[in-house]
Amino acid sequence: TDRTAAPLRPADRLRDLPGIVDEARAAGLAVSFEAVDLGEVPSATQLTVCAIVREALNNVLRHAGPTDATAALQRVGDDIVIDIRDAGPRPGWVPHPGTGRGLDGLRERVALHDGGVTAGRDASGFRLTAILPAMESA
């Protein structure tokens, strides 16, 4: 067996979101987190919601540093809407870009659920919005 492989851990669920936000806070991000009860959500969709929140908050930390951010999740009709915004780079912050594939990877992952992602400048910061069907298509 490959002893260098990452340890296995349970797949993320919606109940893990506060911990994901706390990880970003521990890294210096001032995150305001708001989530309503999303109702019944398939486990694959829950995993994707968690991946979106984790990646978006990590992007804020890499590109804007320890700044203010908001993460909001809500159910709108049959969709889950994830909205993550930041207040822009902290003065003097030098961005630490990753591989440049994070947003593309999220778009591909969300597309598998027949959802969509928009991302771009918003006021002085950056905003990412993802929309996922709450239920898997038949």
C-alpha atoms as a PDB file:
ATOM      1  CA  THR A   1       0.000   0.000   0.000  1.00  0.00           C
ATOM      2  CA  ASP A   2       1.010   3.618  -0.507  1.00  0.00           C
ATOM      3  CA  ARG A   3       1.917   4.967   2.919  1.00  0.00           C
ATOM      4  CA  THR A   4       2.220   8.545   1.597  1.00  0.00           C
ATOM      5  CA  ALA A   5      -1.466   8.784   0.688  1.00  0.00           C
ATOM      6  CA  ALA A   6      -3.586  11.327   2.519  1.00  0.00           C
ATOM      7  CA  PRO A   7      -5.527   9.880   5.442  1.00  0.00           C
ATOM      8  CA  LEU A   8      -9.141   9.092   4.720  1.00  0.00           C
ATOM      9  CA  ARG A   9     -11.793  11.187   6.397  1.00  0.00           C
ATOM     10  CA  PRO A  10     -15.562  11.199   6.165  1.00  0.00           C
ATOM     11  CA  ALA A  11     -17.097  13.148   3.295  1.00  0.00           C
ATOM     12  CA  ASP A  12     -18.092  16.680   4.221  1.00  0.00           C
ATOM     13  CA  ARG A  13     -21.754  17.288   5.046  1.00  0.00           C
ATOM     14  CA  LEU A  14     -23.710  20.499   5.580  1.00  0.00           C
ATOM     15  CA  ARG A  15     -23.220  20.122   9.332  1.00  0.00           C
ATOM     16  CA  ASP A  16     -19.463  20.525   8.695  1.00  0.00           C
ATOM     17  CA  LEU A  17     -19.844  24.056   7.282  1.00  0.00           C
ATOM     18  CA  PRO A  18     -19.304  25.848  10.628  1.00  0.00           C
ATOM     19  CA  GLY A  19     -16.008  23.975  10.994  1.00  0.00           C
ATOM     20  CA  ILE A  20     -14.950  24.951   7.463  1.00  0.00           C
ATOM     21  CA  VAL A  21     -15.706  28.596   8.288  1.00  0.00           C
ATOM     22  CA  ASP A  22     -13.839  28.265  11.605  1.00  0.00           C
ATOM     23  CA  GLU A  23     -10.760  27.005   9.691  1.00  0.00           C
ATOM     24  CA  ALA A  24     -10.818  30.177   7.584  1.00  0.00           C
ATOM     25  CA  ARG A  25     -11.229  32.287  10.721  1.00  0.00           C
ATOM     26  CA  ALA A  26      -8.263  30.520  12.326  1.00  0.00           C
ATOM     27  CA  ALA A  27      -6.225  31.437   9.237  1.00  0.00           C
ATOM     28  CA  GLY A  28      -7.068  35.122   9.820  1.00  0.00           C
ATOM     29  CA  LEU A  29     -10.196  35.724   7.730  1.00  0.00           C
ATOM     30  CA  ALA A  30     -13.008  37.679   9.414  1.00  0.00           C
ATOM     31  CA  VAL A  31     -15.970  35.683   8.100  1.00  0.00           C
ATOM     32  CA  SER A  32     -19.617  36.419   8.683  1.00  0.00           C
ATOM     33  CA  PHE A  33     -21.485  33.150   8.082  1.00  0.00           C
ATOM     34  CA  GLU A  34     -25.215  32.865   7.485  1.00  0.00           C
ATOM     35  CA  ALA A  35     -27.018  29.681   6.541  1.00  0.00           C
ATOM     36  CA  VAL A  36     -30.665  28.779   6.690  1.00  0.00           C
ATOM     37  CA  ASP A  37     -31.998  25.250   6.912  1.00  0.00           C
ATOM     38  CA  LEU A  38     -31.600  23.946   3.370  1.00  0.00           C
ATOM     39  CA  GLY A  39     -33.945  21.013   3.899  1.00  0.00           C
ATOM     40  CA  GLU A  40     -33.219  17.616   2.377  1.00  0.00           C
ATOM     41  CA  VAL A  41     -30.033  17.703   0.304  1.00  0.00           C
ATOM     42  CA  PRO A  42     -28.387  14.638  -1.306  1.00  0.00           C
ATOM     43  CA  SER A  43     -24.981  13.732   0.119  1.00  0.00           C
ATOM     44  CA  ALA A  44     -23.171  14.407  -3.189  1.00  0.00           C
ATOM     45  CA  THR A  45     -24.652  17.915  -3.269  1.00  0.00           C
ATOM     46  CA  GLN A  46     -23.696  18.485   0.379  1.00  0.00           C
ATOM     47  CA  LEU A  47     -20.110  17.526  -0.459  1.00  0.00           C
ATOM     48  CA  THR A  48     -20.084  20.007  -3.350  1.00  0.00           C
ATOM     49  CA  VAL A  49     -21.552  22.814  -1.209  1.00  0.00           C
ATOM     50  CA  CYS A  50     -18.764  22.273   1.326  1.00  0.00           C
ATOM     51  CA  ALA A  51     -16.116  22.201  -1.427  1.00  0.00           C
ATOM     52  CA  ILE A  52     -17.408  25.506  -2.826  1.00  0.00           C
ATOM     53  CA  VAL A  53     -17.326  27.223   0.570  1.00  0.00           C
ATOM     54  CA  ARG A  54     -13.865  25.846   1.397  1.00  0.00           C
ATOM     55  CA  GLU A  55     -12.358  26.779  -1.994  1.00  0.00           C
ATOM     56  CA  ALA A  56     -13.933  30.240  -2.057  1.00  0.00           C
ATOM     57  CA  LEU A  57     -12.720  31.109   1.447  1.00  0.00           C
ATOM     58  CA  ASN A  58      -9.251  29.750   0.653  1.00  0.00           C
ATOM     59  CA  ASN A  59      -9.238  31.938  -2.478  1.00  0.00           C
ATOM     60  CA  VAL A  60     -10.074  34.989  -0.377  1.00  0.00           C
ATOM     61  CA  LEU A  61      -7.164  34.215   1.938  1.00  0.00           C
ATOM     62  CA  ARG A  62      -4.747  33.677  -0.981  1.00  0.00           C
ATOM     63  CA  HIS A  63      -5.775  36.725  -2.997  1.00  0.00           C
ATOM     64  CA  ALA A  64      -7.007  39.262  -0.421  1.00  0.00           C
ATOM     65  CA  GLY A  65      -5.370  38.116   2.798  1.00  0.00           C
ATOM     66  CA  PRO A  66      -6.913  38.442   6.258  1.00  0.00           C
ATOM     67  CA  THR A  67      -9.823  40.640   5.204  1.00  0.00           C
ATOM     68  CA  ASP A  68     -13.566  40.713   5.861  1.00  0.00           C
ATOM     69  CA  ALA A  69     -15.765  38.209   4.056  1.00  0.00           C
ATOM     70  CA  THR A  70     -19.333  36.965   4.074  1.00  0.00           C
ATOM     71  CA  ALA A  71     -20.563  33.480   3.281  1.00  0.00           C
ATOM     72  CA  ALA A  72     -24.309  33.016   2.874  1.00  0.00           C
ATOM     73  CA  LEU A  73     -26.289  29.916   1.940  1.00  0.00           C
ATOM     74  CA  GLN A  74     -29.984  29.837   1.247  1.00  0.00           C
ATOM     75  CA  ARG A  75     -32.605  27.831  -0.526  1.00  0.00           C
ATOM     76  CA  VAL A  76     -34.396  29.623  -3.348  1.00  0.00           C
ATOM     77  CA  GLY A  77     -37.130  27.429  -4.758  1.00  0.00           C
ATOM     78  CA  ASP A  78     -35.508  24.168  -5.804  1.00  0.00           C
ATOM     79  CA  ASP A  79     -31.983  25.616  -5.721  1.00  0.00           C
ATOM     80  CA  ILE A  80     -29.244  26.156  -3.169  1.00  0.00           C
ATOM     81  CA  VAL A  81     -27.572  29.541  -3.567  1.00  0.00           C
ATOM     82  CA  ILE A  82     -24.078  30.027  -2.142  1.00  0.00           C
ATOM     83  CA  ASP A  83     -22.822  33.607  -2.076  1.00  0.00           C
ATOM     84  CA  ILE A  84     -19.302  34.452  -0.903  1.00  0.00           C
ATOM     85  CA  ARG A  85     -17.942  37.999  -0.961  1.00  0.00           C
ATOM     86  CA  ASP A  86     -14.849  39.700   0.331  1.00  0.00           C
ATOM     87  CA  ALA A  87     -14.049  43.324   1.104  1.00  0.00           C
ATOM     88  CA  GLY A  88     -10.978  43.399  -1.112  1.00  0.00           C
ATOM     89  CA  PRO A  89      -7.303  42.959  -0.350  1.00  0.00           C
ATOM     90  CA  ARG A  90      -5.960  44.033   2.980  1.00  0.00           C
ATOM     91  CA  PRO A  91      -3.706  47.087   2.483  1.00  0.00           C
ATOM     92  CA  GLY A  92      -0.209  45.970   1.607  1.00  0.00           C
ATOM     93  CA  TRP A  93      -1.289  42.368   0.975  1.00  0.00           C
ATOM     94  CA  VAL A  94       0.717  40.492  -1.652  1.00  0.00           C
ATOM     95  CA  PRO A  95      -1.474  37.849  -3.329  1.00  0.00           C
ATOM     96  CA  HIS A  96      -0.383  34.219  -3.175  1.00  0.00           C
ATOM     97  CA  PRO A  97      -2.086  32.687  -6.223  1.00  0.00           C
ATOM     98  CA  GLY A  98      -2.567  28.954  -6.373  1.00  0.00           C
ATOM     99  CA  THR A  99      -2.518  26.882  -9.532  1.00  0.00           C
ATOM    100  CA  GLY A 100      -5.129  29.026 -11.239  1.00  0.00           C
ATOM    101  CA  ARG A 101      -7.450  26.025 -11.602  1.00  0.00           C
ATOM    102  CA  GLY A 102      -9.577  26.462  -8.475  1.00  0.00           C
ATOM    103  CA  LEU A 103     -12.486  28.332 -10.072  1.00  0.00           C
ATOM    104  CA  ASP A 104     -12.397  26.145 -13.169  1.00  0.00           C
ATOM    105  CA  GLY A 105     -12.510  23.062 -10.949  1.00  0.00           C
ATOM    106  CA  LEU A 106     -15.482  24.452  -9.026  1.00  0.00           C
ATOM    107  CA  ARG A 107     -17.298  25.281 -12.262  1.00  0.00           C
ATOM    108  CA  GLU A 108     -16.740  21.736 -13.532  1.00  0.00           C
ATOM    109  CA  ARG A 109     -17.870  20.212 -10.243  1.00  0.00           C
ATOM    110  CA  VAL A 110     -21.008  22.378 -10.072  1.00  0.00           C
ATOM    111  CA  ALA A 111     -21.808  21.624 -13.728  1.00  0.00           C
ATOM    112  CA  LEU A 112     -21.985  17.934 -12.804  1.00  0.00           C
ATOM    113  CA  HIS A 113     -24.994  18.896 -10.665  1.00  0.00           C
ATOM    114  CA  ASP A 114     -26.519  20.990 -13.491  1.00  0.00           C
ATOM    115  CA  GLY A 115     -25.638  24.149 -11.589  1.00  0.00           C
ATOM    116  CA  GLY A 116     -23.597  27.235 -12.339  1.00  0.00           C
ATOM    117  CA  VAL A 117     -20.944  29.528 -10.895  1.00  0.00           C
ATOM    118  CA  THR A 118     -20.364  33.229 -11.459  1.00  0.00           C
ATOM    119  CA  ALA A 119     -17.312  34.975 -10.093  1.00  0.00           C
ATOM    120  CA  GLY A 120     -15.724  38.366 -10.489  1.00  0.00           C
ATOM    121  CA  ARG A 121     -15.031  41.799  -9.063  1.00  0.00           C
ATOM    122  CA  ASP A 122     -17.714  43.210  -6.785  1.00  0.00           C
ATOM    123  CA  ALA A 123     -17.344  46.742  -5.398  1.00  0.00           C
ATOM    124  CA  SER A 124     -13.866  46.761  -3.828  1.00  0.00           C
ATOM    125  CA  GLY A 125     -13.644  42.984  -3.520  1.00  0.00           C
ATOM    126  CA  PHE A 126     -14.561  39.721  -5.200  1.00  0.00           C
ATOM    127  CA  ARG A 127     -17.804  37.751  -5.270  1.00  0.00           C
ATOM    128  CA  LEU A 128     -18.525  34.121  -6.055  1.00  0.00           C
ATOM    129  CA  THR A 129     -22.074  32.879  -6.446  1.00  0.00           C
ATOM    130  CA  ALA A 130     -22.923  29.231  -7.064  1.00  0.00           C
ATOM    131  CA  ILE A 131     -26.363  27.832  -7.730  1.00  0.00           C
ATOM    132  CA  LEU A 132     -26.996  24.113  -7.327  1.00  0.00           C
ATOM    133  CA  PRO A 133     -30.235  22.176  -7.668  1.00  0.00           C
ATOM    134  CA  ALA A 134     -31.131  21.006  -4.163  1.00  0.00           C
ATOM    135  CA  MET A 135     -32.231  17.618  -5.470  1.00  0.00           C
ATOM    136  CA  GLU A 136     -30.477  15.317  -7.914  1.00  0.00           C
ATOM    137  CA  SER A 137     -32.056  15.143 -11.337  1.00  0.00           C
ATOM    138  CA  ALA A 138     -33.714  11.860 -12.238  1.00  0.00           C
END
